Amino acid sequence: MLAVTPAVAQQPPAVTASPGSGAPGSGVTVTWTGFQYPCKDNTVSVLWDNQTPIGSGSFGRTRSGSTGVTVPAGASAGTHTIVAQSACDGPRTIFTVIIPPPPVTTTTPPPPVVTTTTPPPPPVVTTTTTRPVVTTTTTATTTTETTTTTTDPGSSSSVPTSSTKSTVNALDADGALTLDKDNIQPGDQLNATGTGCAPGSEVRLSSQDENVGRAKADSSGRFSSPVEFGTIEPGRHVIRAQCDILLVGNVDVSLTSGTSGTSSTLVVLVFFVLIGATMLRRQFSALRVPTKN
């Protein structure tokens, strides 16, 4: 028996985005934890605003995983929802899109044109031209980032009913192969049942590289199939059931010489001996000469 983590100790599903903000087209790492395992499909789809797929991944027995995604190029400024969606869970987190401000362009006006008028001589007039000083002022724009954290209404400190179901499925996921007989003789019928396979998966039964049966797991991962040997020898035989996991069972084959055939032959021989003795007795009786008085 394998120790199973109590349902109350399991964490609810959660998803995070790193970094939590960025510009359109920037890269983000999405990480998920606490997903229900096993699930009928362990694939995780990453959705932008719960609509547009932007990435995918999966999870296993650790119930966690991550993937890199890209913020859609046409995303508007503000907060958006990133959802990690599987067949059994769908936690979400908030990502803030920041639109970078446009670069500030400074335009320097051309210097004023100074027209100098020189009167005819005499006298000689000296003209002094003064160019005005142009002052350029650059205004800096300050952007304030506001991050809003939204708590998923579906998350709570108590463990939902689905966590308890995951614990039950975890017992089945360990898997077991059961044979209805421990010892058989050639010609005896042998049946195999098993648990722990992925729902709907194909199951192949083999012994010493020989296919001895096939089955398909039901929605709970269980299967059943007769075991049919093409050739069989005395001794212990290992039965393997291969689906997404490997299950193993043993059966002993013994060869015992039956006495029923010999007994039947003896009965037939005795019968014919008795019939022959009776016929001989009648023949000798018919040849007996009667005695004269």
C-alpha atoms as a PDB file:
ATOM      1  CA  MET A   1       0.000   0.000   0.000  1.00  0.00           C
ATOM      2  CA  LEU A   2       1.382   3.425  -0.961  1.00  0.00           C
ATOM      3  CA  ALA A   3       0.918   6.370   1.362  1.00  0.00           C
ATOM      4  CA  VAL A   4      -1.554   8.877  -0.073  1.00  0.00           C
ATOM      5  CA  THR A   5      -1.344  12.565   0.782  1.00  0.00           C
ATOM      6  CA  PRO A   6      -4.497  13.597   2.752  1.00  0.00           C
ATOM      7  CA  ALA A   7      -6.923  15.634   0.719  1.00  0.00           C
ATOM      8  CA  VAL A   8      -6.733  18.561   3.180  1.00  0.00           C
ATOM      9  CA  ALA A   9      -2.968  18.929   2.490  1.00  0.00           C
ATOM     10  CA  GLN A  10      -3.338  19.400  -1.253  1.00  0.00           C
ATOM     11  CA  GLN A  11      -3.158  22.958  -2.574  1.00  0.00           C
ATOM     12  CA  PRO A  12      -5.839  24.371  -4.900  1.00  0.00           C
ATOM     13  CA  PRO A  13      -4.789  25.014  -8.519  1.00  0.00           C
ATOM     14  CA  ALA A  14      -2.985  28.305  -9.136  1.00  0.00           C
ATOM     15  CA  VAL A  15      -1.233  30.103 -12.012  1.00  0.00           C
ATOM     16  CA  THR A  16       1.361  32.921 -12.060  1.00  0.00           C
ATOM     17  CA  ALA A  17       2.900  35.098 -14.783  1.00  0.00           C
ATOM     18  CA  SER A  18       6.497  36.348 -14.662  1.00  0.00           C
ATOM     19  CA  PRO A  19       6.923  39.239 -15.153  1.00  0.00           C
ATOM     20  CA  GLY A  20       3.477  40.483 -14.196  1.00  0.00           C
ATOM     21  CA  SER A  21       3.504  43.375 -16.681  1.00  0.00           C
ATOM     22  CA  GLY A  22       5.035  44.296 -20.023  1.00  0.00           C
ATOM     23  CA  ALA A  23       4.532  45.713 -23.491  1.00  0.00           C
ATOM     24  CA  PRO A  24       2.732  43.997 -26.405  1.00  0.00           C
ATOM     25  CA  GLY A  25       4.995  41.406 -28.028  1.00  0.00           C
ATOM     26  CA  SER A  26       7.062  40.855 -24.856  1.00  0.00           C
ATOM     27  CA  GLY A  27       7.744  37.365 -23.441  1.00  0.00           C
ATOM     28  CA  VAL A  28       6.068  35.973 -20.299  1.00  0.00           C
ATOM     29  CA  THR A  29       6.622  32.703 -18.391  1.00  0.00           C
ATOM     30  CA  VAL A  30       3.319  31.160 -17.195  1.00  0.00           C
ATOM     31  CA  THR A  31       3.620  28.626 -14.326  1.00  0.00           C
ATOM     32  CA  TRP A  32       0.779  26.436 -12.946  1.00  0.00           C
ATOM     33  CA  THR A  33       0.596  24.286  -9.797  1.00  0.00           C
ATOM     34  CA  GLY A  34      -1.923  22.169  -7.869  1.00  0.00           C
ATOM     35  CA  PHE A  35      -3.684  20.738 -10.935  1.00  0.00           C
ATOM     36  CA  GLN A  36      -5.885  17.645 -10.450  1.00  0.00           C
ATOM     37  CA  TYR A  37      -4.005  14.447 -11.325  1.00  0.00           C
ATOM     38  CA  PRO A  38      -4.816  12.220 -12.990  1.00  0.00           C
ATOM     39  CA  CYS A  39      -7.171  14.099 -15.285  1.00  0.00           C
ATOM     40  CA  LYS A  40      -8.815  12.760 -18.435  1.00  0.00           C
ATOM     41  CA  ASP A  41      -6.476  15.091 -20.357  1.00  0.00           C
ATOM     42  CA  ASN A  42      -3.254  16.470 -18.790  1.00  0.00           C
ATOM     43  CA  THR A  43      -2.808  19.118 -21.547  1.00  0.00           C
ATOM     44  CA  VAL A  44      -2.855  22.772 -20.406  1.00  0.00           C
ATOM     45  CA  SER A  45      -3.954  25.579 -22.774  1.00  0.00           C
ATOM     46  CA  VAL A  46      -2.875  29.144 -21.946  1.00  0.00           C
ATOM     47  CA  LEU A  47      -5.613  31.640 -22.929  1.00  0.00           C
ATOM     48  CA  TRP A  48      -5.419  35.441 -23.197  1.00  0.00           C
ATOM     49  CA  ASP A  49      -8.542  37.053 -21.698  1.00  0.00           C
ATOM     50  CA  ASN A  50     -10.005  33.484 -21.546  1.00  0.00           C
ATOM     51  CA  GLN A  51     -10.418  33.503 -25.356  1.00  0.00           C
ATOM     52  CA  THR A  52      -7.233  33.672 -27.440  1.00  0.00           C
ATOM     53  CA  PRO A  53      -4.767  30.703 -27.172  1.00  0.00           C
ATOM     54  CA  ILE A  54      -1.195  31.995 -26.699  1.00  0.00           C
ATOM     55  CA  GLY A  55       0.589  28.794 -25.563  1.00  0.00           C
ATOM     56  CA  SER A  56       0.227  25.273 -24.194  1.00  0.00           C
ATOM     57  CA  GLY A  57       1.897  22.746 -21.895  1.00  0.00           C
ATOM     58  CA  SER A  58       1.104  19.802 -19.663  1.00  0.00           C
ATOM     59  CA  PHE A  59       1.468  18.425 -16.118  1.00  0.00           C
ATOM     60  CA  GLY A  60       2.166  15.061 -14.540  1.00  0.00           C
ATOM     61  CA  ARG A  61       2.226  13.538 -11.079  1.00  0.00           C
ATOM     62  CA  THR A  62       3.811  16.739  -9.701  1.00  0.00           C
ATOM     63  CA  ARG A  63       0.585  18.536 -10.755  1.00  0.00           C
ATOM     64  CA  SER A  64       2.648  21.489 -12.058  1.00  0.00           C
ATOM     65  CA  GLY A  65       4.301  22.847 -15.202  1.00  0.00           C
ATOM     66  CA  SER A  66       5.208  26.011 -17.107  1.00  0.00           C
ATOM     67  CA  THR A  67       5.571  27.425 -20.607  1.00  0.00           C
ATOM     68  CA  GLY A  68       6.729  30.610 -22.318  1.00  0.00           C
ATOM     69  CA  VAL A  69       4.155  32.770 -24.120  1.00  0.00           C
ATOM     70  CA  THR A  70       4.127  36.109 -25.979  1.00  0.00           C
ATOM     71  CA  VAL A  71       1.822  39.010 -25.180  1.00  0.00           C
ATOM     72  CA  PRO A  72      -0.431  39.592 -28.231  1.00  0.00           C
ATOM     73  CA  ALA A  73       0.868  42.448 -30.403  1.00  0.00           C
ATOM     74  CA  GLY A  74      -2.519  44.153 -30.504  1.00  0.00           C
ATOM     75  CA  ALA A  75      -3.136  44.033 -26.724  1.00  0.00           C
ATOM     76  CA  SER A  76      -4.527  47.256 -25.294  1.00  0.00           C
ATOM     77  CA  ALA A  77      -3.102  49.004 -22.241  1.00  0.00           C
ATOM     78  CA  GLY A  78      -4.481  47.895 -18.894  1.00  0.00           C
ATOM     79  CA  THR A  79      -5.089  44.643 -17.036  1.00  0.00           C
ATOM     80  CA  HIS A  80      -5.774  41.370 -18.845  1.00  0.00           C
ATOM     81  CA  THR A  81      -6.563  37.828 -17.649  1.00  0.00           C
ATOM     82  CA  ILE A  82      -4.246  34.868 -18.326  1.00  0.00           C
ATOM     83  CA  VAL A  83      -5.983  31.480 -17.825  1.00  0.00           C
ATOM     84  CA  ALA A  84      -4.233  28.065 -17.563  1.00  0.00           C
ATOM     85  CA  GLN A  85      -7.044  25.770 -18.746  1.00  0.00           C
ATOM     86  CA  SER A  86      -7.049  21.945 -18.456  1.00  0.00           C
ATOM     87  CA  ALA A  87      -9.905  19.465 -18.730  1.00  0.00           C
ATOM     88  CA  CYS A  88     -10.245  19.520 -14.921  1.00  0.00           C
ATOM     89  CA  ASP A  89      -9.009  22.969 -13.725  1.00  0.00           C
ATOM     90  CA  GLY A  90      -8.739  26.558 -14.931  1.00  0.00           C
ATOM     91  CA  PRO A  91      -6.964  28.994 -12.561  1.00  0.00           C
ATOM     92  CA  ARG A  92      -6.216  32.504 -13.766  1.00  0.00           C
ATOM     93  CA  THR A  93      -3.937  35.488 -13.032  1.00  0.00           C
ATOM     94  CA  ILE A  94      -3.715  39.160 -13.987  1.00  0.00           C
ATOM     95  CA  PHE A  95      -1.184  40.666 -16.442  1.00  0.00           C
ATOM     96  CA  THR A  96      -0.814  44.428 -16.997  1.00  0.00           C
ATOM     97  CA  VAL A  97      -0.086  45.694 -20.518  1.00  0.00           C
ATOM     98  CA  ILE A  98       1.966  48.921 -20.619  1.00  0.00           C
ATOM     99  CA  ILE A  99       2.126  50.934 -23.847  1.00  0.00           C
ATOM    100  CA  PRO A 100       5.510  52.738 -24.025  1.00  0.00           C
ATOM    101  CA  PRO A 101       5.156  56.520 -24.576  1.00  0.00           C
ATOM    102  CA  PRO A 102       6.220  57.820 -28.014  1.00  0.00           C
ATOM    103  CA  PRO A 103       9.665  59.429 -28.195  1.00  0.00           C
ATOM    104  CA  VAL A 104       9.737  63.226 -27.644  1.00  0.00           C
ATOM    105  CA  THR A 105      10.870  65.097 -30.755  1.00  0.00           C
ATOM    106  CA  THR A 106      12.351  68.583 -30.284  1.00  0.00           C
ATOM    107  CA  THR A 107      12.054  71.044 -33.193  1.00  0.00           C
ATOM    108  CA  THR A 108      14.436  74.006 -33.308  1.00  0.00           C
ATOM    109  CA  PRO A 109      12.964  76.982 -35.170  1.00  0.00           C
ATOM    110  CA  PRO A 110      15.235  78.620 -37.764  1.00  0.00           C
ATOM    111  CA  PRO A 111      16.938  81.869 -36.757  1.00  0.00           C
ATOM    112  CA  PRO A 112      15.101  85.046 -37.754  1.00  0.00           C
ATOM    113  CA  VAL A 113      16.180  86.740 -40.942  1.00  0.00           C
ATOM    114  CA  VAL A 114      17.778  90.145 -40.260  1.00  0.00           C
ATOM    115  CA  THR A 115      17.561  92.634 -43.091  1.00  0.00           C
ATOM    116  CA  THR A 116      20.266  95.318 -43.132  1.00  0.00           C
ATOM    117  CA  THR A 117      19.604  98.552 -44.967  1.00  0.00           C
ATOM    118  CA  THR A 118      22.663 100.555 -45.894  1.00  0.00           C
ATOM    119  CA  PRO A 119      22.015 104.185 -46.684  1.00  0.00           C
ATOM    120  CA  PRO A 120      24.013 105.741 -49.495  1.00  0.00           C
ATOM    121  CA  PRO A 121      27.337 107.325 -48.482  1.00  0.00           C
ATOM    122  CA  PRO A 122      28.333 109.553 -46.855  1.00  0.00           C
ATOM    123  CA  PRO A 123      28.232 108.929 -43.932  1.00  0.00           C
ATOM    124  CA  VAL A 124      29.347 105.319 -43.442  1.00  0.00           C
ATOM    125  CA  VAL A 125      26.874 103.421 -41.327  1.00  0.00           C
ATOM    126  CA  THR A 126      28.028 100.381 -39.365  1.00  0.00           C
ATOM    127  CA  THR A 127      25.298  97.754 -38.843  1.00  0.00           C
ATOM    128  CA  THR A 128      25.475  95.305 -35.919  1.00  0.00           C
ATOM    129  CA  THR A 129      23.340  92.151 -36.158  1.00  0.00           C
ATOM    130  CA  THR A 130      22.350  90.366 -32.911  1.00  0.00           C
ATOM    131  CA  ARG A 131      21.040  86.782 -33.208  1.00  0.00           C
ATOM    132  CA  PRO A 132      18.412  85.936 -30.563  1.00  0.00           C
ATOM    133  CA  VAL A 133      19.045  83.060 -28.205  1.00  0.00           C
ATOM    134  CA  VAL A 134      16.616  80.140 -28.712  1.00  0.00           C
ATOM    135  CA  THR A 135      15.868  78.056 -25.569  1.00  0.00           C
ATOM    136  CA  THR A 136      14.580  74.493 -26.034  1.00  0.00           C
ATOM    137  CA  THR A 137      12.581  72.999 -23.153  1.00  0.00           C
ATOM    138  CA  THR A 138      12.042  69.183 -22.957  1.00  0.00           C
ATOM    139  CA  THR A 139       9.100  67.995 -20.886  1.00  0.00           C
ATOM    140  CA  ALA A 140       9.538  64.548 -19.286  1.00  0.00           C
ATOM    141  CA  THR A 141       6.467  62.314 -19.118  1.00  0.00           C
ATOM    142  CA  THR A 142       6.051  60.212 -15.987  1.00  0.00           C
ATOM    143  CA  THR A 143       4.081  56.936 -16.261  1.00  0.00           C
ATOM    144  CA  THR A 144       2.593  55.387 -13.138  1.00  0.00           C
ATOM    145  CA  GLU A 145       2.106  51.614 -13.156  1.00  0.00           C
ATOM    146  CA  THR A 146      -0.892  50.280 -11.259  1.00  0.00           C
ATOM    147  CA  THR A 147      -1.094  46.561 -10.586  1.00  0.00           C
ATOM    148  CA  THR A 148      -4.448  45.156  -9.509  1.00  0.00           C
ATOM    149  CA  THR A 149      -4.579  41.765  -7.872  1.00  0.00           C
ATOM    150  CA  THR A 150      -7.815  39.847  -8.346  1.00  0.00           C
ATOM    151  CA  THR A 151      -8.607  36.885  -6.166  1.00  0.00           C
ATOM    152  CA  ASP A 152     -10.337  34.023  -7.990  1.00  0.00           C
ATOM    153  CA  PRO A 153     -13.753  33.525  -6.357  1.00  0.00           C
ATOM    154  CA  GLY A 154     -13.374  29.796  -6.907  1.00  0.00           C
ATOM    155  CA  SER A 155     -10.274  29.647  -4.620  1.00  0.00           C
ATOM    156  CA  SER A 156     -10.729  29.215  -0.853  1.00  0.00           C
ATOM    157  CA  SER A 157      -8.828  27.802   2.064  1.00  0.00           C
ATOM    158  CA  SER A 158     -11.043  24.717   2.117  1.00  0.00           C
ATOM    159  CA  VAL A 159     -10.321  21.876  -0.297  1.00  0.00           C
ATOM    160  CA  PRO A 160     -13.065  21.484  -2.961  1.00  0.00           C
ATOM    161  CA  THR A 161     -14.844  18.256  -3.669  1.00  0.00           C
ATOM    162  CA  SER A 162     -12.676  17.659  -6.756  1.00  0.00           C
ATOM    163  CA  SER A 163      -9.570  17.377  -4.503  1.00  0.00           C
ATOM    164  CA  THR A 164     -11.142  14.403  -2.725  1.00  0.00           C
ATOM    165  CA  LYS A 165     -11.945  12.773  -6.084  1.00  0.00           C
ATOM    166  CA  SER A 166      -8.304  13.279  -7.138  1.00  0.00           C
ATOM    167  CA  THR A 167      -7.179  11.360  -4.064  1.00  0.00           C
ATOM    168  CA  VAL A 168      -9.424   8.414  -4.987  1.00  0.00           C
ATOM    169  CA  ASN A 169      -8.138   8.448  -8.548  1.00  0.00           C
ATOM    170  CA  ALA A 170      -4.554   8.541  -7.245  1.00  0.00           C
ATOM    171  CA  LEU A 171      -5.222   5.133  -5.598  1.00  0.00           C
ATOM    172  CA  ASP A 172      -6.362   3.727  -8.943  1.00  0.00           C
ATOM    173  CA  ALA A 173      -3.404   5.354 -10.745  1.00  0.00           C
ATOM    174  CA  ASP A 174      -1.011   3.056  -8.845  1.00  0.00           C
ATOM    175  CA  GLY A 175      -2.433   0.168 -10.913  1.00  0.00           C
ATOM    176  CA  ALA A 176      -2.707  -3.589 -10.313  1.00  0.00           C
ATOM    177  CA  LEU A 177      -3.039  -6.718 -12.482  1.00  0.00           C
ATOM    178  CA  THR A 178      -5.115  -9.612 -11.086  1.00  0.00           C
ATOM    179  CA  LEU A 179      -5.316 -13.153 -12.535  1.00  0.00           C
ATOM    180  CA  ASP A 180      -8.309 -15.308 -11.544  1.00  0.00           C
ATOM    181  CA  LYS A 181      -6.075 -18.421 -11.131  1.00  0.00           C
ATOM    182  CA  ASP A 182      -2.639 -18.947  -9.586  1.00  0.00           C
ATOM    183  CA  ASN A 183      -2.077 -22.353 -11.220  1.00  0.00           C
ATOM    184  CA  ILE A 184      -3.408 -23.712 -14.526  1.00  0.00           C
ATOM    185  CA  GLN A 185      -2.984 -26.685 -16.841  1.00  0.00           C
ATOM    186  CA  PRO A 186      -2.944 -26.545 -20.661  1.00  0.00           C
ATOM    187  CA  GLY A 187      -6.475 -25.912 -21.886  1.00  0.00           C
ATOM    188  CA  ASP A 188      -7.636 -24.146 -18.687  1.00  0.00           C
ATOM    189  CA  GLN A 189      -9.293 -20.722 -19.105  1.00  0.00           C
ATOM    190  CA  LEU A 190      -7.444 -17.756 -17.540  1.00  0.00           C
ATOM    191  CA  ASN A 191      -8.814 -14.213 -17.156  1.00  0.00           C
ATOM    192  CA  ALA A 192      -6.931 -11.006 -16.292  1.00  0.00           C
ATOM    193  CA  THR A 193      -8.344  -7.771 -14.820  1.00  0.00           C
ATOM    194  CA  GLY A 194      -6.455  -4.569 -14.102  1.00  0.00           C
ATOM    195  CA  THR A 195      -6.678  -0.964 -12.911  1.00  0.00           C
ATOM    196  CA  GLY A 196      -4.610   2.213 -13.220  1.00  0.00           C
ATOM    197  CA  CYS A 197      -4.531   2.714 -17.019  1.00  0.00           C
ATOM    198  CA  ALA A 198      -5.448   6.025 -18.639  1.00  0.00           C
ATOM    199  CA  PRO A 199      -9.190   6.105 -19.501  1.00  0.00           C
ATOM    200  CA  GLY A 200      -9.813   4.759 -23.001  1.00  0.00           C
ATOM    201  CA  SER A 201      -6.214   3.575 -23.524  1.00  0.00           C
ATOM    202  CA  GLU A 202      -5.369   0.376 -25.420  1.00  0.00           C
ATOM    203  CA  VAL A 203      -4.036  -2.479 -23.239  1.00  0.00           C
ATOM    204  CA  ARG A 204      -1.704  -5.205 -24.647  1.00  0.00           C
ATOM    205  CA  LEU A 205      -1.181  -8.424 -22.660  1.00  0.00           C
ATOM    206  CA  SER A 206       1.990 -10.428 -23.386  1.00  0.00           C
ATOM    207  CA  SER A 207       4.041 -13.320 -22.010  1.00  0.00           C
ATOM    208  CA  GLN A 208       7.594 -14.005 -23.180  1.00  0.00           C
ATOM    209  CA  ASP A 209       7.166 -11.592 -26.148  1.00  0.00           C
ATOM    210  CA  GLU A 210       3.942 -13.431 -27.194  1.00  0.00           C
ATOM    211  CA  ASN A 211       0.651 -11.508 -27.437  1.00  0.00           C
ATOM    212  CA  VAL A 212      -1.841 -13.300 -25.196  1.00  0.00           C
ATOM    213  CA  GLY A 213      -4.681 -10.757 -25.032  1.00  0.00           C
ATOM    214  CA  ARG A 214      -5.962  -7.240 -25.774  1.00  0.00           C
ATOM    215  CA  ALA A 215      -8.403  -4.911 -24.002  1.00  0.00           C
ATOM    216  CA  LYS A 216      -9.433  -1.268 -23.746  1.00  0.00           C
ATOM    217  CA  ALA A 217      -9.574   0.625 -20.445  1.00  0.00           C
ATOM    218  CA  ASP A 218     -12.934   2.088 -19.451  1.00  0.00           C
ATOM    219  CA  SER A 219     -13.561   5.616 -18.130  1.00  0.00           C
ATOM    220  CA  SER A 220     -12.146   4.660 -14.703  1.00  0.00           C
ATOM    221  CA  GLY A 221      -8.974   3.049 -16.125  1.00  0.00           C
ATOM    222  CA  ARG A 222     -10.117  -0.562 -15.546  1.00  0.00           C
ATOM    223  CA  PHE A 223      -9.966  -3.401 -18.083  1.00  0.00           C
ATOM    224  CA  SER A 224     -10.630  -7.161 -18.376  1.00  0.00           C
ATOM    225  CA  SER A 225      -9.433  -9.732 -20.948  1.00  0.00           C
ATOM    226  CA  PRO A 226      -9.047 -13.515 -21.352  1.00  0.00           C
ATOM    227  CA  VAL A 227      -5.452 -14.771 -21.501  1.00  0.00           C
ATOM    228  CA  GLU A 228      -4.866 -17.147 -24.428  1.00  0.00           C
ATOM    229  CA  PHE A 229      -1.471 -18.830 -24.843  1.00  0.00           C
ATOM    230  CA  GLY A 230      -0.415 -19.963 -28.320  1.00  0.00           C
ATOM    231  CA  THR A 231       2.232 -22.302 -26.898  1.00  0.00           C
ATOM    232  CA  ILE A 232       2.724 -23.016 -23.225  1.00  0.00           C
ATOM    233  CA  GLU A 233       5.361 -24.837 -21.200  1.00  0.00           C
ATOM    234  CA  PRO A 234       5.354 -25.905 -17.551  1.00  0.00           C
ATOM    235  CA  GLY A 235       6.740 -23.428 -15.023  1.00  0.00           C
ATOM    236  CA  ARG A 236       6.050 -19.868 -13.927  1.00  0.00           C
ATOM    237  CA  HIS A 237       4.876 -17.428 -16.633  1.00  0.00           C
ATOM    238  CA  VAL A 238       4.960 -13.624 -16.247  1.00  0.00           C
ATOM    239  CA  ILE A 239       1.928 -11.804 -17.677  1.00  0.00           C
ATOM    240  CA  ARG A 240       2.528  -8.139 -18.602  1.00  0.00           C
ATOM    241  CA  ALA A 241      -0.257  -5.618 -19.277  1.00  0.00           C
ATOM    242  CA  GLN A 242       1.068  -2.547 -21.117  1.00  0.00           C
ATOM    243  CA  CYS A 243      -0.970   0.662 -21.391  1.00  0.00           C
ATOM    244  CA  ASP A 244       0.445   4.034 -20.339  1.00  0.00           C
ATOM    245  CA  ILE A 245       1.896   2.105 -17.363  1.00  0.00           C
ATOM    246  CA  LEU A 246       3.210  -1.470 -17.008  1.00  0.00           C
ATOM    247  CA  LEU A 247       1.310  -4.002 -14.834  1.00  0.00           C
ATOM    248  CA  VAL A 248       2.736  -7.459 -14.021  1.00  0.00           C
ATOM    249  CA  GLY A 249       1.202 -10.741 -12.766  1.00  0.00           C
ATOM    250  CA  ASN A 250       2.380 -14.377 -12.449  1.00  0.00           C
ATOM    251  CA  VAL A 251       0.742 -17.757 -13.154  1.00  0.00           C
ATOM    252  CA  ASP A 252       2.170 -21.276 -12.699  1.00  0.00           C
ATOM    253  CA  VAL A 253       1.608 -23.889 -15.434  1.00  0.00           C
ATOM    254  CA  SER A 254       1.759 -27.567 -14.440  1.00  0.00           C
ATOM    255  CA  LEU A 255       1.524 -30.702 -16.617  1.00  0.00           C
ATOM    256  CA  THR A 256      -0.082 -33.700 -14.822  1.00  0.00           C
ATOM    257  CA  SER A 257      -0.726 -37.077 -16.558  1.00  0.00           C
ATOM    258  CA  GLY A 258      -4.424 -37.835 -16.126  1.00  0.00           C
ATOM    259  CA  THR A 259      -5.657 -41.372 -15.240  1.00  0.00           C
ATOM    260  CA  SER A 260      -9.137 -40.973 -16.701  1.00  0.00           C
ATOM    261  CA  GLY A 261      -8.027 -42.126 -20.162  1.00  0.00           C
ATOM    262  CA  THR A 262      -6.291 -45.196 -18.741  1.00  0.00           C
ATOM    263  CA  SER A 263      -9.312 -46.069 -16.581  1.00  0.00           C
ATOM    264  CA  SER A 264     -11.643 -45.802 -19.582  1.00  0.00           C
ATOM    265  CA  THR A 265      -9.368 -48.069 -21.619  1.00  0.00           C
ATOM    266  CA  LEU A 266      -9.287 -50.697 -18.843  1.00  0.00           C
ATOM    267  CA  VAL A 267     -13.089 -50.681 -18.559  1.00  0.00           C
ATOM    268  CA  VAL A 268     -13.447 -51.255 -22.324  1.00  0.00           C
ATOM    269  CA  LEU A 269     -10.896 -54.094 -22.251  1.00  0.00           C
ATOM    270  CA  VAL A 270     -12.624 -55.826 -19.300  1.00  0.00           C
ATOM    271  CA  PHE A 271     -15.965 -55.498 -21.079  1.00  0.00           C
ATOM    272  CA  PHE A 272     -14.692 -57.211 -24.218  1.00  0.00           C
ATOM    273  CA  VAL A 273     -12.968 -59.953 -22.152  1.00  0.00           C
ATOM    274  CA  LEU A 274     -16.239 -60.720 -20.363  1.00  0.00           C
ATOM    275  CA  ILE A 275     -18.172 -60.770 -23.670  1.00  0.00           C
ATOM    276  CA  GLY A 276     -15.564 -63.119 -25.164  1.00  0.00           C
ATOM    277  CA  ALA A 277     -15.668 -65.450 -22.143  1.00  0.00           C
ATOM    278  CA  THR A 278     -19.477 -65.614 -22.325  1.00  0.00           C
ATOM    279  CA  MET A 279     -19.432 -66.492 -26.027  1.00  0.00           C
ATOM    280  CA  LEU A 280     -16.806 -69.218 -25.491  1.00  0.00           C
ATOM    281  CA  ARG A 281     -18.845 -70.725 -22.657  1.00  0.00           C
ATOM    282  CA  ARG A 282     -21.914 -70.931 -24.881  1.00  0.00           C
ATOM    283  CA  GLN A 283     -19.911 -72.607 -27.668  1.00  0.00           C
ATOM    284  CA  PHE A 284     -18.534 -75.225 -25.264  1.00  0.00           C
ATOM    285  CA  SER A 285     -22.012 -75.840 -23.859  1.00  0.00           C
ATOM    286  CA  ALA A 286     -23.350 -76.525 -27.380  1.00  0.00           C
ATOM    287  CA  LEU A 287     -20.596 -79.143 -27.996  1.00  0.00           C
ATOM    288  CA  ARG A 288     -21.256 -81.088 -24.754  1.00  0.00           C
ATOM    289  CA  VAL A 289     -22.426 -84.693 -25.499  1.00  0.00           C
ATOM    290  CA  PRO A 290     -25.383 -85.855 -23.408  1.00  0.00           C
ATOM    291  CA  THR A 291     -24.706 -88.832 -21.117  1.00  0.00           C
ATOM    292  CA  LYS A 292     -26.674 -92.074 -21.793  1.00  0.00           C
ATOM    293  CA  ASN A 293     -28.479 -93.667 -18.904  1.00  0.00           C
END
